[in-house]
Protein backbone atom coordinates (compact mmCIF):
# COMPACT_ATOMS: atom_id res chain seq x y z
CA MET A 1 165.83 133.78 141.93
CA SER A 2 163.84 132.87 138.80
CA SER A 3 160.18 133.01 137.87
CA HIS A 4 158.50 130.96 135.08
CA ARG A 5 155.16 129.95 133.90
CA GLY A 6 152.96 126.98 132.96
CA TYR A 7 149.47 127.57 131.53
CA GLY A 8 146.19 126.01 132.42
CA LYS A 9 144.09 124.07 129.95
CA LEU A 10 140.65 123.04 128.97
CA ILE A 11 140.13 119.91 126.97
CA LEU A 12 137.54 120.75 124.38
CA PHE A 13 137.24 117.16 122.91
CA GLY A 14 138.58 113.82 124.14
CA GLU A 15 138.66 113.86 127.96
CA HIS A 16 139.45 110.28 128.97
CA PHE A 17 139.28 109.09 125.35
CA VAL A 18 142.75 110.64 124.73
CA VAL A 19 144.16 107.97 127.05
CA TYR A 20 143.32 105.29 124.42
CA LYS A 21 145.52 106.86 121.59
CA VAL A 22 142.88 108.79 119.77
CA PRO A 23 143.00 112.51 118.91
CA ALA A 24 141.85 115.22 121.32
CA LEU A 25 141.65 119.01 121.06
CA VAL A 26 142.83 121.10 123.91
CA ALA A 27 143.02 124.84 124.53
CA ALA A 28 145.45 126.48 126.82
CA VAL A 29 144.00 129.36 128.83
CA SER A 30 145.69 132.63 129.55
CA ASP A 31 145.76 132.11 133.34
CA PHE A 32 148.96 130.67 134.51
CA THR A 33 150.88 129.24 137.46
CA ASP A 34 154.36 130.79 138.04
CA CYS A 35 157.29 129.41 140.01
CA SER A 36 160.50 130.78 141.44
CA VAL A 37 163.29 128.49 142.60
CA THR A 38 166.42 129.13 144.67
CA LEU A 39 169.09 126.34 144.94
CA THR A 40 171.55 126.57 147.76
CA GLU A 41 174.65 124.36 147.61
CA GLY A 42 175.60 122.59 150.82
CA GLY A 43 172.03 122.62 152.16
CA SER A 44 169.40 119.95 151.98
CA GLY A 45 165.64 119.42 151.65
CA VAL A 46 162.76 121.23 149.88
CA ASN A 47 160.92 124.17 151.20
CA GLN A 48 157.68 125.26 149.51
CA GLN A 49 155.40 128.22 149.62
CA ASP A 50 152.25 127.72 147.72
CA ASN A 51 150.54 131.09 146.92
CA ARG A 52 148.29 129.86 144.17
CA PRO A 53 144.63 130.75 144.48
CA ALA A 54 142.59 127.59 144.96
CA VAL A 55 139.16 126.35 145.79
CA PRO A 56 138.60 125.31 149.29
CA GLY A 57 140.26 122.02 150.17
CA TYR A 58 142.14 121.51 146.94
CA LYS A 59 145.67 122.02 148.23
CA ASP A 60 145.03 119.85 151.30
CA GLU A 61 143.58 116.90 149.27
CA LYS A 62 146.25 117.15 146.54
CA LYS A 63 149.25 117.70 148.92
CA GLU A 64 150.65 114.22 148.70
CA GLU A 65 150.35 114.12 144.94
CA HIS A 66 151.74 117.56 144.65
CA ASP A 67 154.79 116.77 146.81
CA GLN A 68 155.33 113.66 144.82
CA ALA A 69 155.21 115.52 141.56
CA VAL A 70 157.67 118.12 142.80
CA GLY A 71 160.06 115.37 143.75
CA LEU A 72 159.80 113.78 140.32
CA VAL A 73 160.54 117.00 138.46
CA LEU A 74 163.44 117.69 140.73
CA SER A 75 164.85 114.19 140.27
CA HIS A 76 164.30 114.33 136.45
CA LEU A 77 166.30 117.53 136.28
CA GLY A 78 169.26 116.16 138.38
CA VAL A 79 168.61 118.01 141.63
CA ASP A 80 170.05 116.27 144.62
CA THR A 81 168.06 117.45 147.65
CA SER A 82 170.50 115.76 149.95
CA LYS A 83 173.24 118.17 148.75
CA GLN A 84 171.14 121.22 147.66
CA GLN A 85 168.46 123.11 149.56
CA VAL A 86 165.59 123.84 147.22
CA ASP A 87 163.28 126.81 147.93
CA ILE A 88 160.16 126.94 145.84
CA VAL A 89 157.43 129.49 145.54
CA PHE A 90 154.33 128.97 143.52
CA GLY A 91 151.98 131.76 142.44
CA GLY A 92 150.19 133.16 139.48
CA ASP A 93 146.51 133.70 138.63
CA LEU A 94 145.44 130.19 137.70
CA THR A 95 143.06 128.87 140.28
CA ALA A 96 144.04 125.44 141.36
CA VAL A 97 140.96 123.36 140.79
CA SER A 98 140.17 119.98 139.18
CA GLY A 99 139.79 120.05 135.42
CA ILE A 100 141.94 123.14 134.55
CA GLY A 101 145.35 121.43 134.48
CA ALA A 102 146.57 122.99 137.65
CA SER A 103 148.96 120.08 138.31
CA ALA A 104 150.61 120.30 134.84
CA ALA A 105 150.86 124.11 135.06
CA ALA A 106 152.70 123.74 138.34
CA CYS A 107 155.02 120.97 137.04
CA VAL A 108 155.92 122.88 133.84
CA ALA A 109 156.46 126.19 135.81
CA LEU A 110 158.67 124.31 138.24
CA ALA A 111 160.67 122.71 135.40
CA ARG A 112 161.32 126.16 133.82
CA ALA A 113 162.41 127.65 137.12
CA VAL A 114 164.64 124.77 138.19
CA ALA A 115 166.31 124.77 134.66
CA HIS A 116 166.94 128.53 134.99
CA ALA A 117 168.28 128.29 138.52
CA GLN A 118 170.73 125.61 137.28
CA GLY A 119 171.84 127.82 134.46
CA LYS A 120 170.57 125.36 131.82
CA LYS A 121 168.84 126.33 128.54
CA LEU A 122 166.31 123.54 128.02
CA THR A 123 164.31 123.28 124.88
CA GLU A 124 160.45 123.36 125.06
CA GLU A 125 160.44 119.61 124.47
CA GLU A 126 162.78 119.01 127.38
CA ILE A 127 160.54 121.28 129.55
CA ASN A 128 157.44 119.36 128.33
CA GLN A 129 159.18 116.01 129.16
CA ALA A 130 160.07 117.28 132.69
CA GLY A 131 156.43 118.35 133.13
CA TYR A 132 155.29 114.89 132.08
CA GLU A 133 157.47 113.23 134.57
CA GLY A 134 155.99 115.40 137.28
CA GLU A 135 152.44 114.60 136.13
CA LYS A 136 153.07 110.95 137.03
CA GLY A 137 152.85 112.03 140.72
CA TYR A 138 149.36 113.13 140.15
CA HIS A 139 148.06 110.72 137.42
CA GLY A 140 150.20 107.61 137.54
CA THR A 141 150.27 107.23 133.80
CA PRO A 142 149.36 110.63 132.39
CA SER A 143 148.40 111.06 128.72
CA GLY A 144 150.62 113.99 128.30
CA ILE A 145 148.01 116.40 127.04
CA ASP A 146 147.92 118.62 130.08
CA ASN A 147 151.65 119.22 130.31
CA THR A 148 151.87 119.84 126.51
CA ALA A 149 149.21 122.55 126.66
CA ALA A 150 150.78 123.98 129.72
CA THR A 151 154.16 124.14 127.96
CA TYR A 152 153.20 125.26 124.45
CA GLY A 153 149.88 127.14 124.95
CA GLY A 154 147.43 127.82 122.09
CA ILE A 155 145.09 125.23 120.73
CA LEU A 156 146.48 121.87 120.00
CA LYS A 157 145.47 118.60 118.43
CA PHE A 158 146.98 115.96 120.65
CA GLN A 159 147.39 112.22 120.33
CA ARG A 160 149.28 109.55 122.15
CA THR A 161 151.16 107.01 120.18
CA GLU A 162 153.15 103.86 120.90
CA GLU A 163 156.31 105.99 120.63
CA GLY A 164 155.08 108.76 122.91
CA SER A 165 152.76 111.54 121.67
CA THR A 166 152.30 113.97 118.81
CA PHE A 167 150.63 117.37 118.67
CA LEU A 168 149.76 119.91 116.02
CA PRO A 169 149.11 123.65 116.76
CA LYS A 170 145.77 124.87 115.37
CA THR A 171 145.25 128.38 114.09
CA LEU A 172 141.93 130.03 114.38
CA LYS A 173 140.61 132.52 111.87
CA VAL A 174 139.33 134.83 114.57
CA LYS A 175 140.06 135.41 118.20
CA VAL A 176 137.63 133.78 120.63
CA GLU A 177 137.03 134.04 124.36
CA ILE A 178 135.92 131.07 126.46
CA VAL A 179 134.10 131.16 129.82
CA TYR A 180 134.77 128.26 132.25
CA ALA A 181 133.57 127.79 135.80
CA SER A 182 134.29 125.27 138.47
CA THR A 183 131.87 123.21 140.59
CA GLY A 184 134.36 123.47 143.41
CA ILE A 185 134.53 119.64 143.63
CA THR A 186 138.05 118.18 143.91
CA ALA A 187 138.51 114.80 142.25
CA SER A 188 141.31 112.49 141.83
CA THR A 189 142.12 112.12 138.10
CA SER A 190 144.00 108.81 138.62
CA LYS A 191 140.97 107.29 140.32
CA VAL A 192 138.48 108.42 137.65
CA VAL A 193 140.80 107.14 134.81
CA GLY A 194 141.02 103.81 136.65
CA ASP A 195 137.15 103.74 136.83
CA VAL A 196 136.87 104.37 133.10
CA ARG A 197 139.45 101.62 132.35
CA LYS A 198 137.60 99.14 134.47
CA LYS A 199 134.35 99.87 132.60
CA LYS A 200 136.19 99.50 129.29
CA GLU A 201 137.63 96.12 130.28
CA GLU A 202 134.20 94.96 131.64
CA GLU A 203 132.27 95.97 128.55
CA PRO A 204 134.69 96.21 125.53
CA GLN A 205 132.13 96.23 122.84
CA TRP A 206 130.14 99.03 124.51
CA PHE A 207 133.25 101.11 124.95
CA ASP A 208 134.42 100.62 121.37
CA ALA A 209 130.99 101.78 120.12
CA LEU A 210 131.26 104.82 122.24
CA LEU A 211 134.86 105.46 120.98
CA GLN A 212 133.71 105.18 117.38
CA ARG A 213 130.94 107.94 118.07
CA TYR A 214 133.56 110.05 119.60
CA LEU A 215 135.92 109.73 116.60
CA LYS A 216 133.21 111.14 114.30
CA LEU A 217 132.51 113.87 116.85
CA VAL A 218 136.13 115.08 117.13
CA GLU A 219 136.64 115.05 113.45
CA GLU A 220 133.70 117.40 112.89
CA GLY A 221 134.80 119.40 115.97
CA GLU A 222 138.16 120.05 114.48
CA SER A 223 136.61 121.13 111.19
CA LYS A 224 134.10 123.55 112.87
CA LEU A 225 136.75 124.97 115.14
CA GLU A 226 138.86 125.86 112.08
CA GLU A 227 135.83 127.38 110.35
CA GLY A 228 135.02 129.39 113.46
CA ASP A 229 131.47 127.96 113.64
CA TRP A 230 131.23 128.47 117.35
CA LYS A 231 127.55 127.54 117.64
CA ARG A 232 128.30 124.09 116.15
CA VAL A 233 131.47 123.77 118.26
CA GLY A 234 129.44 124.42 121.38
CA GLU A 235 126.85 121.76 120.36
CA LEU A 236 129.56 119.24 119.64
CA MET A 237 131.23 120.01 123.03
CA ASN A 238 127.89 119.25 124.68
CA ASP A 239 127.74 115.94 122.80
CA ASN A 240 131.27 115.19 123.88
CA HIS A 241 130.23 115.74 127.52
CA VAL A 242 127.29 113.33 127.03
CA LEU A 243 129.80 110.63 125.96
CA CYS A 244 131.94 111.37 129.01
CA GLN A 245 128.90 110.94 131.22
């Protein structure tokens, strides 16, 4: 039996824009999803027990995506469910809700637990890659930002590239607490990403102008975050949200 964690996240700057290979700033939160896995040779199939706290309806609406993600992680790590019975238990204190990176936290926690159950010592990069593969079950073509925050924690500057992605840990001068809340509305990330892409393709000049505004905003946001100018960081986060709207 093994138990391992993946952390939730809040994208401070760059929600949706990050898909288009520009920098984003993401903060992992202290709440986490944990996972325990038992592999039994000679058996078959996957049994799951999901004890994560969740907003009403989330687990039901996300079940198909969740099961697909679990299958992708298991396949990526070489688990043959026709020859091994896989018993999975999810728990932790991260509430499963849209926007907090619950899917990535689960995928990363599962990857850690499976690797441990197999007796493998994977690097953080390998865990992150397994989490990314699982995220495809939820998002189709994920940016990679959620699983990276879930794996490494802390505050990261993240950017997709043609070769994959890069990230840089950020160090704050002083500790800061952040308060976040959920509307309770469950949304499909892949659908919303598709809607944004459609809008971008229909009005490329409008989208490019929006993107240029964002690039100036995230540059100042990074600077003010490093300075600890929380008032300005908050104002810029509001501006970022207006661009998302």
